[in-house]
């Protein structure tokens, strides 16, 4: 099993470059596998409940031979109704072993993140921010104890025979 800390990350690439974005997608895949195990084995919707944290909701939107699309969110009860936040749609590339946050509903409102968002290139910058949010959130949720399967035993090594 490869731990995220063992991923070789070249910081010679600019943080919001294509190369660093692909490294981030690889890290997202490893962290997602720790949370859910084999994405292709998931079906429907599931909720992970742990003491001291919000319920984490996962929904499988689509499976195809090479990709899966998931929705990951917390739901909050607000006076105007239930609100999903963060509300991320993820595309998992099974053959490349990458996971990308392709959509973020109700974009983050934190002033620090908004300042970063306005200071970088449009499309690449948006992808970078969505995927940094996903990366940190996956790390947070697994640290809090969330799991959708016995994901600790998943094998994410890059075996050419897999």
N, C-alpha and C. Protein backbone atom coordinates (compact mmCIF):
# COMPACT_ATOMS: atom_id res chain seq x y z
N UNK A 1 0.85 -1.18 0.00
CA UNK A 1 0.00 0.00 0.00
C UNK A 1 0.88 1.23 0.00
N UNK A 2 0.57 2.18 -0.82
CA UNK A 2 1.31 3.43 -0.87
C UNK A 2 0.64 4.44 0.04
N UNK A 3 1.41 5.02 0.91
CA UNK A 3 0.89 6.09 1.75
C UNK A 3 1.09 7.40 1.01
N UNK A 4 0.18 8.34 1.24
CA UNK A 4 0.26 9.64 0.57
C UNK A 4 1.60 10.31 0.84
N UNK A 5 2.16 10.09 2.01
CA UNK A 5 3.43 10.72 2.35
C UNK A 5 4.58 10.16 1.53
N UNK A 6 4.36 9.00 0.89
CA UNK A 6 5.41 8.42 0.06
C UNK A 6 5.33 8.87 -1.40
N UNK A 7 4.30 9.64 -1.76
CA UNK A 7 4.19 10.16 -3.12
C UNK A 7 5.30 11.18 -3.35
N UNK A 8 6.05 10.97 -4.39
CA UNK A 8 7.10 11.92 -4.71
C UNK A 8 6.46 13.12 -5.38
N UNK A 9 6.58 14.26 -4.74
CA UNK A 9 6.02 15.49 -5.27
C UNK A 9 7.16 16.43 -5.62
N UNK A 10 7.19 16.83 -6.86
CA UNK A 10 8.23 17.76 -7.29
C UNK A 10 7.71 19.18 -7.14
N UNK A 11 8.27 19.91 -6.22
CA UNK A 11 7.86 21.29 -6.03
C UNK A 11 8.65 22.22 -6.93
N UNK A 12 9.40 21.62 -7.86
CA UNK A 12 10.02 22.45 -8.89
C UNK A 12 8.95 22.97 -9.84
N UNK A 13 7.82 22.25 -9.90
CA UNK A 13 6.69 22.71 -10.69
C UNK A 13 5.96 23.79 -9.89
N UNK A 14 5.46 24.80 -10.57
CA UNK A 14 4.69 25.85 -9.90
C UNK A 14 3.45 25.25 -9.26
N UNK A 15 3.01 25.74 -8.11
CA UNK A 15 1.86 25.18 -7.42
C UNK A 15 0.58 25.12 -8.25
N UNK A 16 0.36 26.04 -9.13
CA UNK A 16 -0.87 26.02 -9.92
C UNK A 16 -0.54 25.66 -11.37
N UNK A 17 0.38 24.73 -11.55
CA UNK A 17 0.75 24.28 -12.88
C UNK A 17 0.04 22.97 -13.20
N UNK A 18 0.05 22.58 -14.45
CA UNK A 18 -0.56 21.32 -14.86
C UNK A 18 0.10 20.14 -14.15
N UNK A 19 1.42 20.17 -14.04
CA UNK A 19 2.16 19.07 -13.40
C UNK A 19 1.75 18.93 -11.93
N UNK A 20 1.69 20.04 -11.22
CA UNK A 20 1.32 19.97 -9.81
C UNK A 20 -0.16 19.58 -9.65
N UNK A 21 -1.00 19.96 -10.61
CA UNK A 21 -2.40 19.58 -10.55
C UNK A 21 -2.55 18.06 -10.71
N UNK A 22 -1.78 17.45 -11.58
CA UNK A 22 -1.84 16.00 -11.76
C UNK A 22 -1.34 15.28 -10.50
N UNK A 23 -0.34 15.84 -9.83
CA UNK A 23 0.15 15.28 -8.57
C UNK A 23 -0.95 15.37 -7.51
N UNK A 24 -1.67 16.48 -7.51
CA UNK A 24 -2.78 16.66 -6.57
C UNK A 24 -3.89 15.65 -6.85
N UNK A 25 -4.20 15.38 -8.11
CA UNK A 25 -5.21 14.38 -8.47
C UNK A 25 -4.79 12.99 -7.98
N UNK A 26 -3.51 12.69 -8.08
CA UNK A 26 -3.02 11.40 -7.59
C UNK A 26 -3.18 11.30 -6.08
N UNK A 27 -2.85 12.37 -5.38
CA UNK A 27 -3.01 12.40 -3.94
C UNK A 27 -4.49 12.27 -3.56
N UNK A 28 -5.37 12.92 -4.31
CA UNK A 28 -6.81 12.81 -4.06
C UNK A 28 -7.28 11.36 -4.21
N UNK A 29 -6.76 10.67 -5.22
CA UNK A 29 -7.14 9.27 -5.44
C UNK A 29 -6.74 8.41 -4.25
N UNK A 30 -5.53 8.58 -3.77
CA UNK A 30 -5.04 7.79 -2.64
C UNK A 30 -5.89 8.07 -1.40
N UNK A 31 -6.18 9.33 -1.14
CA UNK A 31 -6.99 9.70 0.02
C UNK A 31 -8.43 9.21 -0.11
N UNK A 32 -8.99 9.27 -1.32
CA UNK A 32 -10.34 8.78 -1.54
C UNK A 32 -10.42 7.28 -1.32
N UNK A 33 -9.42 6.55 -1.79
CA UNK A 33 -9.41 5.10 -1.58
C UNK A 33 -9.34 4.76 -0.10
N UNK A 34 -8.65 5.57 0.69
CA UNK A 34 -8.60 5.33 2.14
C UNK A 34 -9.98 5.53 2.76
N UNK A 35 -10.78 6.40 2.18
CA UNK A 35 -12.12 6.69 2.70
C UNK A 35 -13.16 5.69 2.22
N UNK A 36 -13.09 5.27 0.95
CA UNK A 36 -14.16 4.46 0.38
C UNK A 36 -13.74 3.09 -0.11
N UNK A 37 -12.45 2.80 -0.16
CA UNK A 37 -12.01 1.53 -0.73
C UNK A 37 -12.13 1.55 -2.24
N UNK A 38 -12.57 0.44 -2.83
CA UNK A 38 -12.70 0.34 -4.28
C UNK A 38 -13.95 1.08 -4.74
N UNK A 39 -13.75 2.18 -5.41
CA UNK A 39 -14.85 3.03 -5.87
C UNK A 39 -15.81 2.25 -6.77
N UNK A 40 -15.28 1.36 -7.58
CA UNK A 40 -16.12 0.60 -8.52
C UNK A 40 -17.09 -0.34 -7.80
N UNK A 41 -16.82 -0.66 -6.55
CA UNK A 41 -17.70 -1.54 -5.78
C UNK A 41 -18.85 -0.79 -5.11
N UNK A 42 -18.82 0.54 -5.15
CA UNK A 42 -19.86 1.35 -4.51
C UNK A 42 -21.10 1.44 -5.39
N UNK A 43 -22.25 1.51 -4.76
CA UNK A 43 -23.51 1.70 -5.46
C UNK A 43 -24.42 2.58 -4.62
N UNK A 44 -25.26 3.37 -5.26
CA UNK A 44 -26.27 4.15 -4.55
C UNK A 44 -25.70 5.23 -3.66
N UNK A 45 -26.32 5.38 -2.51
CA UNK A 45 -25.93 6.42 -1.55
C UNK A 45 -25.60 5.79 -0.22
N UNK A 46 -24.70 6.44 0.52
CA UNK A 46 -24.29 5.94 1.84
C UNK A 46 -23.98 7.13 2.74
N UNK A 47 -24.04 6.89 4.04
CA UNK A 47 -23.72 7.92 5.03
C UNK A 47 -22.72 7.35 6.01
N UNK A 48 -21.68 8.12 6.30
CA UNK A 48 -20.71 7.75 7.33
C UNK A 48 -20.96 8.64 8.55
N UNK A 49 -21.16 7.99 9.69
CA UNK A 49 -21.43 8.74 10.93
C UNK A 49 -20.33 8.45 11.94
N UNK A 50 -19.74 9.51 12.48
CA UNK A 50 -18.76 9.38 13.56
C UNK A 50 -19.09 10.41 14.63
N UNK A 51 -18.75 10.07 15.86
CA UNK A 51 -18.99 10.99 16.98
C UNK A 51 -18.16 12.25 16.80
N UNK A 52 -18.75 13.39 17.03
CA UNK A 52 -18.03 14.65 17.01
C UNK A 52 -17.85 15.26 15.63
N UNK A 53 -18.49 14.72 14.60
CA UNK A 53 -18.39 15.31 13.27
C UNK A 53 -19.73 15.20 12.57
N UNK A 54 -19.90 15.95 11.52
CA UNK A 54 -21.13 15.90 10.72
C UNK A 54 -21.21 14.57 9.99
N UNK A 55 -22.42 14.16 9.62
CA UNK A 55 -22.59 12.97 8.79
C UNK A 55 -22.04 13.28 7.40
N UNK A 56 -21.25 12.37 6.88
CA UNK A 56 -20.65 12.52 5.56
C UNK A 56 -21.46 11.70 4.57
N UNK A 57 -21.96 12.35 3.53
CA UNK A 57 -22.83 11.72 2.55
C UNK A 57 -22.09 11.46 1.25
N UNK A 58 -22.23 10.26 0.74
CA UNK A 58 -21.60 9.85 -0.51
C UNK A 58 -22.69 9.29 -1.42
N UNK A 59 -22.68 9.73 -2.67
CA UNK A 59 -23.64 9.23 -3.64
C UNK A 59 -22.91 8.89 -4.93
N UNK A 60 -23.16 7.70 -5.45
CA UNK A 60 -22.59 7.29 -6.73
C UNK A 60 -23.54 7.79 -7.81
N UNK A 61 -23.05 8.67 -8.68
CA UNK A 61 -23.88 9.24 -9.74
C UNK A 61 -23.78 8.44 -11.03
N UNK A 62 -22.58 7.85 -11.27
CA UNK A 62 -22.37 7.14 -12.53
C UNK A 62 -21.14 6.26 -12.46
N UNK A 63 -21.22 5.11 -13.09
CA UNK A 63 -20.05 4.24 -13.29
C UNK A 63 -19.93 3.99 -14.79
N UNK A 64 -18.72 4.04 -15.30
CA UNK A 64 -18.44 3.61 -16.67
C UNK A 64 -17.17 2.76 -16.58
N UNK A 65 -16.75 2.13 -17.66
CA UNK A 65 -15.59 1.24 -17.55
C UNK A 65 -14.31 1.90 -17.01
N UNK A 66 -14.10 3.17 -17.30
CA UNK A 66 -12.85 3.82 -16.90
C UNK A 66 -13.01 4.92 -15.88
N UNK A 67 -14.23 5.34 -15.61
CA UNK A 67 -14.45 6.43 -14.66
C UNK A 67 -15.67 6.16 -13.80
N UNK A 68 -15.71 6.84 -12.67
CA UNK A 68 -16.89 6.88 -11.82
C UNK A 68 -17.10 8.33 -11.40
N UNK A 69 -18.35 8.72 -11.22
CA UNK A 69 -18.66 10.06 -10.75
C UNK A 69 -19.38 9.93 -9.42
N UNK A 70 -18.88 10.65 -8.41
CA UNK A 70 -19.41 10.61 -7.05
C UNK A 70 -19.78 12.00 -6.59
N UNK A 71 -20.66 12.07 -5.61
CA UNK A 71 -20.96 13.32 -4.93
C UNK A 71 -20.63 13.11 -3.46
N UNK A 72 -19.89 14.04 -2.88
CA UNK A 72 -19.49 13.96 -1.47
C UNK A 72 -19.88 15.27 -0.81
N UNK A 73 -20.61 15.18 0.32
CA UNK A 73 -21.06 16.41 0.96
C UNK A 73 -21.42 16.19 2.42
N UNK A 74 -21.51 17.29 3.14
CA UNK A 74 -22.17 17.36 4.43
C UNK A 74 -23.52 18.03 4.17
N UNK A 75 -24.57 17.66 4.90
CA UNK A 75 -25.86 18.33 4.82
C UNK A 75 -26.11 19.06 6.13
N UNK A 76 -26.50 20.33 6.02
CA UNK A 76 -26.80 21.16 7.19
C UNK A 76 -28.26 21.59 7.13
N UNK A 77 -28.94 21.54 8.27
CA UNK A 77 -30.31 22.03 8.36
C UNK A 77 -30.25 23.53 8.60
N UNK A 78 -30.78 24.29 7.68
CA UNK A 78 -30.83 25.75 7.76
C UNK A 78 -32.29 26.18 7.72
N UNK A 79 -32.60 27.38 8.16
CA UNK A 79 -34.00 27.85 8.13
C UNK A 79 -34.63 27.76 6.73
N UNK A 80 -33.83 27.98 5.69
CA UNK A 80 -34.37 27.93 4.33
C UNK A 80 -34.42 26.51 3.76
N UNK A 81 -33.96 25.52 4.53
CA UNK A 81 -33.97 24.12 4.10
C UNK A 81 -32.60 23.50 4.21
N UNK A 82 -32.49 22.25 3.79
CA UNK A 82 -31.21 21.54 3.86
C UNK A 82 -30.21 22.15 2.88
N UNK A 83 -28.97 22.31 3.35
CA UNK A 83 -27.91 22.90 2.54
C UNK A 83 -26.72 21.95 2.51
N UNK A 84 -26.24 21.66 1.32
CA UNK A 84 -25.05 20.82 1.13
C UNK A 84 -23.82 21.73 1.08
N UNK A 85 -22.84 21.47 1.96
CA UNK A 85 -21.65 22.32 1.97
C UNK A 85 -20.53 21.63 2.74
N UNK A 86 -19.36 21.42 2.19
CA UNK A 86 -19.08 21.59 0.75
C UNK A 86 -19.83 20.53 -0.04
N UNK A 87 -20.06 20.82 -1.28
CA UNK A 87 -20.82 19.94 -2.15
C UNK A 87 -19.96 19.67 -3.38
N UNK A 88 -19.22 18.57 -3.33
CA UNK A 88 -18.24 18.28 -4.38
C UNK A 88 -18.69 17.12 -5.27
N UNK A 89 -18.50 17.29 -6.55
CA UNK A 89 -18.68 16.20 -7.51
C UNK A 89 -17.28 15.76 -7.92
N UNK A 90 -17.05 14.45 -7.82
CA UNK A 90 -15.72 13.90 -8.10
C UNK A 90 -15.77 12.98 -9.31
N UNK A 91 -14.76 13.06 -10.14
CA UNK A 91 -14.59 12.11 -11.23
C UNK A 91 -13.34 11.29 -10.91
N UNK A 92 -13.53 9.98 -10.82
CA UNK A 92 -12.43 9.07 -10.51
C UNK A 92 -12.03 8.37 -11.80
N UNK A 93 -10.75 8.49 -12.17
CA UNK A 93 -10.21 7.86 -13.36
C UNK A 93 -9.51 6.57 -12.91
N UNK A 94 -10.19 5.43 -13.10
CA UNK A 94 -9.70 4.17 -12.57
C UNK A 94 -8.37 3.74 -13.18
N UNK A 95 -8.23 3.85 -14.50
CA UNK A 95 -7.01 3.39 -15.14
C UNK A 95 -5.81 4.27 -14.80
N UNK A 96 -6.02 5.56 -14.70
CA UNK A 96 -4.92 6.49 -14.37
C UNK A 96 -4.70 6.64 -12.87
N UNK A 97 -5.65 6.15 -12.07
CA UNK A 97 -5.61 6.27 -10.61
C UNK A 97 -5.51 7.73 -10.16
N UNK A 98 -6.48 8.50 -10.66
CA UNK A 98 -6.58 9.92 -10.34
C UNK A 98 -8.01 10.21 -9.88
N UNK A 99 -8.17 11.21 -9.02
CA UNK A 99 -9.49 11.67 -8.61
C UNK A 99 -9.51 13.19 -8.68
N UNK A 100 -10.50 13.72 -9.39
CA UNK A 100 -10.60 15.15 -9.63
C UNK A 100 -11.94 15.68 -9.12
N UNK A 101 -11.91 16.78 -8.40
CA UNK A 101 -13.13 17.49 -8.04
C UNK A 101 -13.52 18.32 -9.25
N UNK A 102 -14.60 17.93 -9.92
CA UNK A 102 -15.00 18.60 -11.16
C UNK A 102 -16.00 19.72 -10.93
N UNK A 103 -16.66 19.70 -9.78
CA UNK A 103 -17.65 20.73 -9.49
C UNK A 103 -17.72 20.95 -7.99
N UNK A 104 -17.92 22.19 -7.62
CA UNK A 104 -18.08 22.54 -6.21
C UNK A 104 -19.28 23.45 -6.10
N UNK A 105 -20.41 22.90 -5.61
CA UNK A 105 -21.61 23.71 -5.41
C UNK A 105 -21.39 24.68 -4.26
N UNK A 106 -22.04 25.81 -4.32
CA UNK A 106 -21.92 26.84 -3.27
C UNK A 106 -20.45 27.09 -2.96
N UNK A 107 -19.73 27.63 -3.90
CA UNK A 107 -18.29 27.81 -3.77
C UNK A 107 -17.92 28.39 -2.42
N UNK A 108 -16.77 27.96 -1.90
CA UNK A 108 -16.32 28.36 -0.56
C UNK A 108 -16.37 29.87 -0.38
N UNK A 109 -16.73 30.25 0.83
CA UNK A 109 -16.91 31.67 1.12
C UNK A 109 -15.84 32.22 2.06
N UNK A 110 -14.84 31.43 2.40
CA UNK A 110 -13.81 31.91 3.31
C UNK A 110 -12.98 33.01 2.63
N UNK A 111 -12.76 34.16 3.30
CA UNK A 111 -12.05 35.28 2.67
C UNK A 111 -10.64 34.91 2.18
N UNK A 112 -9.94 34.07 2.93
CA UNK A 112 -8.59 33.68 2.51
C UNK A 112 -8.59 32.90 1.21
N UNK A 113 -9.53 31.98 1.07
CA UNK A 113 -9.64 31.22 -0.17
C UNK A 113 -10.12 32.08 -1.32
N UNK A 114 -11.00 33.03 -1.04
CA UNK A 114 -11.50 33.92 -2.10
C UNK A 114 -10.37 34.79 -2.63
N UNK A 115 -9.47 35.24 -1.75
CA UNK A 115 -8.34 36.06 -2.19
C UNK A 115 -7.42 35.26 -3.11
N UNK A 116 -7.19 33.99 -2.76
CA UNK A 116 -6.36 33.14 -3.62
C UNK A 116 -7.06 32.93 -4.95
N UNK A 117 -8.35 32.67 -4.90
CA UNK A 117 -9.13 32.39 -6.09
C UNK A 117 -9.06 33.53 -7.09
N UNK A 118 -9.13 34.77 -6.62
CA UNK A 118 -9.13 35.91 -7.53
C UNK A 118 -7.74 36.24 -8.05
N UNK A 119 -6.70 35.67 -7.45
CA UNK A 119 -5.35 36.04 -7.85
C UNK A 119 -4.66 35.08 -8.80
N UNK A 120 -5.35 34.04 -9.27
CA UNK A 120 -4.70 33.07 -10.14
C UNK A 120 -5.49 32.88 -11.42
N UNK A 121 -4.87 32.23 -12.42
CA UNK A 121 -5.49 32.01 -13.71
C UNK A 121 -6.83 31.32 -13.60
N UNK A 122 -7.75 31.68 -14.47
CA UNK A 122 -9.15 31.27 -14.37
C UNK A 122 -9.35 29.77 -14.27
N UNK A 123 -9.26 29.02 -15.35
CA UNK A 123 -9.63 27.61 -15.34
C UNK A 123 -8.68 26.76 -14.50
N UNK A 124 -7.39 26.90 -14.70
CA UNK A 124 -6.42 26.11 -13.93
C UNK A 124 -6.51 26.45 -12.45
N UNK A 125 -6.69 27.74 -12.15
CA UNK A 125 -6.82 28.16 -10.77
C UNK A 125 -8.05 27.60 -10.09
N UNK A 126 -9.17 27.57 -10.80
CA UNK A 126 -10.40 27.00 -10.25
C UNK A 126 -10.22 25.51 -9.97
N UNK A 127 -9.60 24.80 -10.91
CA UNK A 127 -9.35 23.38 -10.70
C UNK A 127 -8.44 23.16 -9.51
N UNK A 128 -7.40 23.98 -9.40
CA UNK A 128 -6.46 23.87 -8.29
C UNK A 128 -7.19 24.05 -6.95
N UNK A 129 -8.01 25.08 -6.84
CA UNK A 129 -8.70 25.36 -5.58
C UNK A 129 -9.71 24.27 -5.23
N UNK A 130 -10.50 23.82 -6.20
CA UNK A 130 -11.47 22.74 -5.93
C UNK A 130 -10.75 21.49 -5.43
N UNK A 131 -9.63 21.19 -6.04
CA UNK A 131 -8.94 19.95 -5.70
C UNK A 131 -8.10 20.07 -4.44
N UNK A 132 -7.63 21.25 -4.10
CA UNK A 132 -7.00 21.45 -2.79
C UNK A 132 -8.05 21.30 -1.70
N UNK A 133 -9.24 21.84 -1.93
CA UNK A 133 -10.34 21.68 -0.98
C UNK A 133 -10.64 20.19 -0.79
N UNK A 134 -10.77 19.46 -1.89
CA UNK A 134 -11.03 18.02 -1.81
C UNK A 134 -9.93 17.31 -1.05
N UNK A 135 -8.68 17.61 -1.37
CA UNK A 135 -7.55 16.94 -0.74
C UNK A 135 -7.55 17.14 0.77
N UNK A 136 -7.72 18.36 1.20
CA UNK A 136 -7.73 18.66 2.64
C UNK A 136 -8.96 18.07 3.32
N UNK A 137 -10.10 18.09 2.64
CA UNK A 137 -11.32 17.56 3.23
C UNK A 137 -11.25 16.04 3.36
N UNK A 138 -10.71 15.36 2.35
CA UNK A 138 -10.53 13.91 2.45
C UNK A 138 -9.61 13.56 3.62
N UNK A 139 -8.54 14.33 3.77
CA UNK A 139 -7.62 14.12 4.89
C UNK A 139 -8.35 14.32 6.22
N UNK A 140 -9.11 15.39 6.31
CA UNK A 140 -9.86 15.69 7.53
C UNK A 140 -10.86 14.59 7.86
N UNK A 141 -11.65 14.17 6.88
CA UNK A 141 -12.69 13.18 7.15
C UNK A 141 -12.11 11.84 7.57
N UNK A 142 -11.01 11.43 6.98
CA UNK A 142 -10.41 10.15 7.40
C UNK A 142 -9.79 10.29 8.78
N UNK A 143 -9.20 11.43 9.09
CA UNK A 143 -8.66 11.65 10.44
C UNK A 143 -9.77 11.62 11.49
N UNK A 144 -10.96 12.09 11.14
CA UNK A 144 -12.10 12.07 12.07
C UNK A 144 -12.68 10.67 12.23
N UNK A 145 -12.30 9.75 11.35
CA UNK A 145 -12.76 8.37 11.48
C UNK A 145 -13.80 7.94 10.46
N UNK A 146 -14.12 8.80 9.51
CA UNK A 146 -15.12 8.43 8.49
C UNK A 146 -14.58 7.31 7.61
N UNK A 147 -15.45 6.35 7.28
CA UNK A 147 -15.15 5.28 6.34
C UNK A 147 -16.46 4.82 5.74
N UNK A 148 -16.43 4.46 4.47
CA UNK A 148 -17.62 3.91 3.83
C UNK A 148 -17.51 2.41 3.66
N UNK A 149 -16.32 1.86 3.82
CA UNK A 149 -16.07 0.42 3.79
C UNK A 149 -14.86 0.18 4.68
N UNK A 150 -14.44 -1.05 4.78
CA UNK A 150 -13.19 -1.35 5.49
C UNK A 150 -12.05 -0.89 4.60
N UNK A 151 -11.94 0.42 4.40
CA UNK A 151 -11.02 0.99 3.43
C UNK A 151 -9.56 0.90 3.83
N UNK A 152 -9.28 0.65 5.11
CA UNK A 152 -7.89 0.61 5.56
C UNK A 152 -7.11 -0.49 4.83
N UNK A 153 -7.78 -1.53 4.38
CA UNK A 153 -7.09 -2.65 3.76
C UNK A 153 -6.97 -2.51 2.25
N UNK A 154 -7.41 -1.38 1.69
CA UNK A 154 -7.37 -1.24 0.23
C UNK A 154 -5.94 -1.15 -0.26
N UNK A 155 -5.71 -1.65 -1.45
CA UNK A 155 -4.38 -1.67 -2.06
C UNK A 155 -4.37 -0.67 -3.20
N UNK A 156 -3.60 0.39 -3.07
CA UNK A 156 -3.51 1.39 -4.13
C UNK A 156 -2.13 1.44 -4.74
N UNK A 157 -1.39 0.36 -4.62
CA UNK A 157 -0.07 0.32 -5.23
C UNK A 157 -0.17 0.35 -6.73
N UNK A 158 0.84 0.81 -7.37
CA UNK A 158 0.88 0.88 -8.83
C UNK A 158 1.51 -0.38 -9.37
N UNK A 159 0.76 -1.46 -9.35
CA UNK A 159 1.21 -2.74 -9.83
C UNK A 159 0.83 -2.89 -11.29
N UNK A 160 1.76 -3.17 -12.15
CA UNK A 160 1.48 -3.26 -13.57
C UNK A 160 0.61 -4.46 -13.88
N UNK A 161 0.44 -5.40 -12.95
CA UNK A 161 -0.40 -6.57 -13.17
C UNK A 161 -1.82 -6.39 -12.69
N UNK A 162 -2.11 -5.21 -12.10
CA UNK A 162 -3.46 -4.95 -11.54
C UNK A 162 -4.49 -4.76 -12.63
